[in-house]
C-alpha atoms as a PDB file:
ATOM      1  CA  UNK A   1       0.722  -0.499  28.948  1.00  0.00           C
ATOM      2  CA  UNK A   2       1.165  -4.043  27.845  1.00  0.00           C
ATOM      3  CA  UNK A   3       3.044  -6.791  29.668  1.00  0.00           C
ATOM      4  CA  UNK A   4       6.379  -5.829  28.125  1.00  0.00           C
ATOM      5  CA  UNK A   5       6.136  -2.118  28.998  1.00  0.00           C
ATOM      6  CA  UNK A   6       5.157  -0.752  25.591  1.00  0.00           C
ATOM      7  CA  UNK A   7       2.576   1.960  25.372  1.00  0.00           C
ATOM      8  CA  UNK A   8      -0.452   0.939  23.339  1.00  0.00           C
ATOM      9  CA  UNK A   9      -2.036   4.342  22.895  1.00  0.00           C
ATOM     10  CA  UNK A  10      -0.875   7.609  21.370  1.00  0.00           C
ATOM     11  CA  UNK A  11      -1.158   9.759  24.496  1.00  0.00           C
ATOM     12  CA  UNK A  12       1.828  11.828  25.543  1.00  0.00           C
ATOM     13  CA  UNK A  13       4.206  10.335  28.051  1.00  0.00           C
ATOM     14  CA  UNK A  14       4.578  13.054  30.674  1.00  0.00           C
ATOM     15  CA  UNK A  15       8.029  11.906  31.797  1.00  0.00           C
ATOM     16  CA  UNK A  16       9.643  11.669  28.356  1.00  0.00           C
ATOM     17  CA  UNK A  17       7.554  14.208  26.434  1.00  0.00           C
ATOM     18  CA  UNK A  18       7.023  11.873  23.469  1.00  0.00           C
ATOM     19  CA  UNK A  19       3.745  11.803  21.618  1.00  0.00           C
ATOM     20  CA  UNK A  20       4.177   8.668  19.527  1.00  0.00           C
ATOM     21  CA  UNK A  21       4.273   5.039  20.487  1.00  0.00           C
ATOM     22  CA  UNK A  22       5.132   1.975  18.506  1.00  0.00           C
ATOM     23  CA  UNK A  23       1.532   1.413  17.523  1.00  0.00           C
ATOM     24  CA  UNK A  24       1.215   5.029  16.340  1.00  0.00           C
ATOM     25  CA  UNK A  25       4.424   4.650  14.363  1.00  0.00           C
ATOM     26  CA  UNK A  26       3.051   1.480  12.810  1.00  0.00           C
ATOM     27  CA  UNK A  27      -0.190   3.256  11.892  1.00  0.00           C
ATOM     28  CA  UNK A  28       1.826   6.041  10.301  1.00  0.00           C
ATOM     29  CA  UNK A  29       3.883   3.516   8.345  1.00  0.00           C
ATOM     30  CA  UNK A  30       0.713   1.827   7.098  1.00  0.00           C
ATOM     31  CA  UNK A  31      -0.714   5.193   6.016  1.00  0.00           C
ATOM     32  CA  UNK A  32       2.450   6.070   4.106  1.00  0.00           C
ATOM     33  CA  UNK A  33       2.553   2.646   2.485  1.00  0.00           C
ATOM     34  CA  UNK A  34      -1.067   2.902   1.337  1.00  0.00           C
ATOM     35  CA  UNK A  35      -0.357   6.321  -0.148  1.00  0.00           C
ATOM     36  CA  UNK A  36       2.693   4.967  -1.949  1.00  0.00           C
ATOM     37  CA  UNK A  37       0.727   1.984  -3.248  1.00  0.00           C
ATOM     38  CA  UNK A  38      -2.039   4.200  -4.639  1.00  0.00           C
ATOM     39  CA  UNK A  39       0.322   6.753  -6.182  1.00  0.00           C
ATOM     40  CA  UNK A  40       2.581   4.201  -7.833  1.00  0.00           C
ATOM     41  CA  UNK A  41      -0.429   2.212  -9.056  1.00  0.00           C
ATOM     42  CA  UNK A  42      -1.962   5.338 -10.594  1.00  0.00           C
ATOM     43  CA  UNK A  43       1.321   6.067 -12.380  1.00  0.00           C
ATOM     44  CA  UNK A  44       1.615   2.515 -13.746  1.00  0.00           C
ATOM     45  CA  UNK A  45      -2.041   2.511 -14.853  1.00  0.00           C
ATOM     46  CA  UNK A  46      -1.739   5.895 -16.598  1.00  0.00           C
ATOM     47  CA  UNK A  47       1.445   4.799 -18.339  1.00  0.00           C
ATOM     48  CA  UNK A  48      -0.149   1.564 -19.573  1.00  0.00           C
ATOM     49  CA  UNK A  49      -3.281   3.395 -20.725  1.00  0.00           C
ATOM     50  CA  UNK A  50      -1.165   5.922 -22.623  1.00  0.00           C
ATOM     51  CA  UNK A  51       0.955   3.258 -24.290  1.00  0.00           C
ATOM     52  CA  UNK A  52      -2.061   1.261 -25.475  1.00  0.00           C
ATOM     53  CA  UNK A  53      -4.342   4.129 -26.508  1.00  0.00           C
ATOM     54  CA  UNK A  54      -1.776   6.720 -27.632  1.00  0.00           C
ATOM     55  CA  UNK A  55      -1.232   5.457 -31.157  1.00  0.00           C
ATOM     56  CA  UNK A  56      -4.972   5.014 -31.725  1.00  0.00           C
ATOM     57  CA  UNK A  57      -5.681   8.596 -30.705  1.00  0.00           C
ATOM     58  CA  UNK A  58      -3.054  10.115 -33.014  1.00  0.00           C
ATOM     59  CA  UNK A  59      -3.903   8.059 -36.092  1.00  0.00           C
ATOM     60  CA  UNK A  60      -6.817   8.957 -38.329  1.00  0.00           C
ATOM     61  CA  UNK A  61      -9.128   6.073 -37.375  1.00  0.00           C
ATOM     62  CA  UNK A  62     -12.878   5.678 -37.341  1.00  0.00           C
ATOM     63  CA  UNK A  63     -14.869   5.707 -34.091  1.00  0.00           C
ATOM     64  CA  UNK A  64     -15.113   1.923 -33.842  1.00  0.00           C
ATOM     65  CA  UNK A  65     -11.407   1.463 -34.474  1.00  0.00           C
ATOM     66  CA  UNK A  66     -10.541   3.931 -31.696  1.00  0.00           C
ATOM     67  CA  UNK A  67     -12.984   2.378 -29.226  1.00  0.00           C
ATOM     68  CA  UNK A  68     -11.214  -1.001 -29.150  1.00  0.00           C
ATOM     69  CA  UNK A  69      -7.783   0.260 -27.995  1.00  0.00           C
ATOM     70  CA  UNK A  70      -9.366   2.704 -25.541  1.00  0.00           C
ATOM     71  CA  UNK A  71     -11.461  -0.080 -24.019  1.00  0.00           C
ATOM     72  CA  UNK A  72      -8.551  -2.507 -23.847  1.00  0.00           C
ATOM     73  CA  UNK A  73      -6.271   0.221 -22.471  1.00  0.00           C
ATOM     74  CA  UNK A  74      -8.793   1.022 -19.746  1.00  0.00           C
ATOM     75  CA  UNK A  75      -9.170  -2.634 -18.863  1.00  0.00           C
ATOM     76  CA  UNK A  76      -5.408  -3.122 -18.756  1.00  0.00           C
ATOM     77  CA  UNK A  77      -4.973   0.029 -16.648  1.00  0.00           C
ATOM     78  CA  UNK A  78      -7.587  -1.117 -14.131  1.00  0.00           C
ATOM     79  CA  UNK A  79      -6.025  -4.570 -13.873  1.00  0.00           C
ATOM     80  CA  UNK A  80      -2.508  -3.160 -13.426  1.00  0.00           C
ATOM     81  CA  UNK A  81      -3.735  -0.654 -10.832  1.00  0.00           C
ATOM     82  CA  UNK A  82      -5.321  -3.418  -8.774  1.00  0.00           C
ATOM     83  CA  UNK A  83      -2.317  -5.702  -9.140  1.00  0.00           C
ATOM     84  CA  UNK A  84       0.154  -2.972  -8.149  1.00  0.00           C
ATOM     85  CA  UNK A  85      -1.783  -1.981  -5.016  1.00  0.00           C
ATOM     86  CA  UNK A  86      -2.132  -5.625  -3.981  1.00  0.00           C
ATOM     87  CA  UNK A  87       1.547  -6.466  -4.467  1.00  0.00           C
ATOM     88  CA  UNK A  88       2.839  -3.359  -2.662  1.00  0.00           C
ATOM     89  CA  UNK A  89       0.575  -3.917   0.329  1.00  0.00           C
ATOM     90  CA  UNK A  90       1.271  -7.654   0.395  1.00  0.00           C
ATOM     91  CA  UNK A  91       5.031  -7.008   0.404  1.00  0.00           C
ATOM     92  CA  UNK A  92       4.601  -4.468   3.204  1.00  0.00           C
ATOM     93  CA  UNK A  93       2.662  -7.016   5.240  1.00  0.00           C
ATOM     94  CA  UNK A  94       5.413  -9.613   4.727  1.00  0.00           C
ATOM     95  CA  UNK A  95       8.040  -7.162   6.033  1.00  0.00           C
ATOM     96  CA  UNK A  96       6.135  -6.599   9.301  1.00  0.00           C
ATOM     97  CA  UNK A  97       8.046  -7.539  12.442  1.00  0.00           C
ATOM     98  CA  UNK A  98       6.999 -10.686  14.265  1.00  0.00           C
ATOM     99  CA  UNK A  99       5.025 -10.099  17.456  1.00  0.00           C
ATOM    100  CA  UNK A 100       6.998 -10.375  20.650  1.00  0.00           C
ATOM    101  CA  UNK A 101       6.122 -13.050  23.199  1.00  0.00           C
ATOM    102  CA  UNK A 102       3.808 -11.844  25.939  1.00  0.00           C
ATOM    103  CA  UNK A 103       6.048 -13.108  28.718  1.00  0.00           C
ATOM    104  CA  UNK A 104       9.828 -12.601  28.877  1.00  0.00           C
ATOM    105  CA  UNK A 105      11.803 -15.782  28.306  1.00  0.00           C
ATOM    106  CA  UNK A 106       8.992 -17.479  26.385  1.00  0.00           C
ATOM    107  CA  UNK A 107       9.386 -18.165  22.678  1.00  0.00           C
ATOM    108  CA  UNK A 108       5.730 -18.464  21.780  1.00  0.00           C
ATOM    109  CA  UNK A 109       2.367 -17.784  23.425  1.00  0.00           C
ATOM    110  CA  UNK A 110       1.723 -21.533  23.806  1.00  0.00           C
ATOM    111  CA  UNK A 111       4.990 -22.248  25.665  1.00  0.00           C
END
């Protein structure tokens, strides 16, 4: 237990019968957010790749003419994937609650 009475581990509390603590809930939230970031980034990247390379694949073009849109579509998809993951996780980090002071009545650890 910490100074303010919160459990820091995920062991069961024998008096209440709960298995999760705030830190376990936070870990679960982080796991869900990472999954969402990866899934939404994969969707955005696939959509961008399809938009850029789709017309080149359906037109009767030579090998060199098809390679340019496929390469640029792959590059754009990779960049958008990375950008989407970074922005989702950055926004999640910004929404995190501020840590509570270690001693009741204090407003900051240096008080």
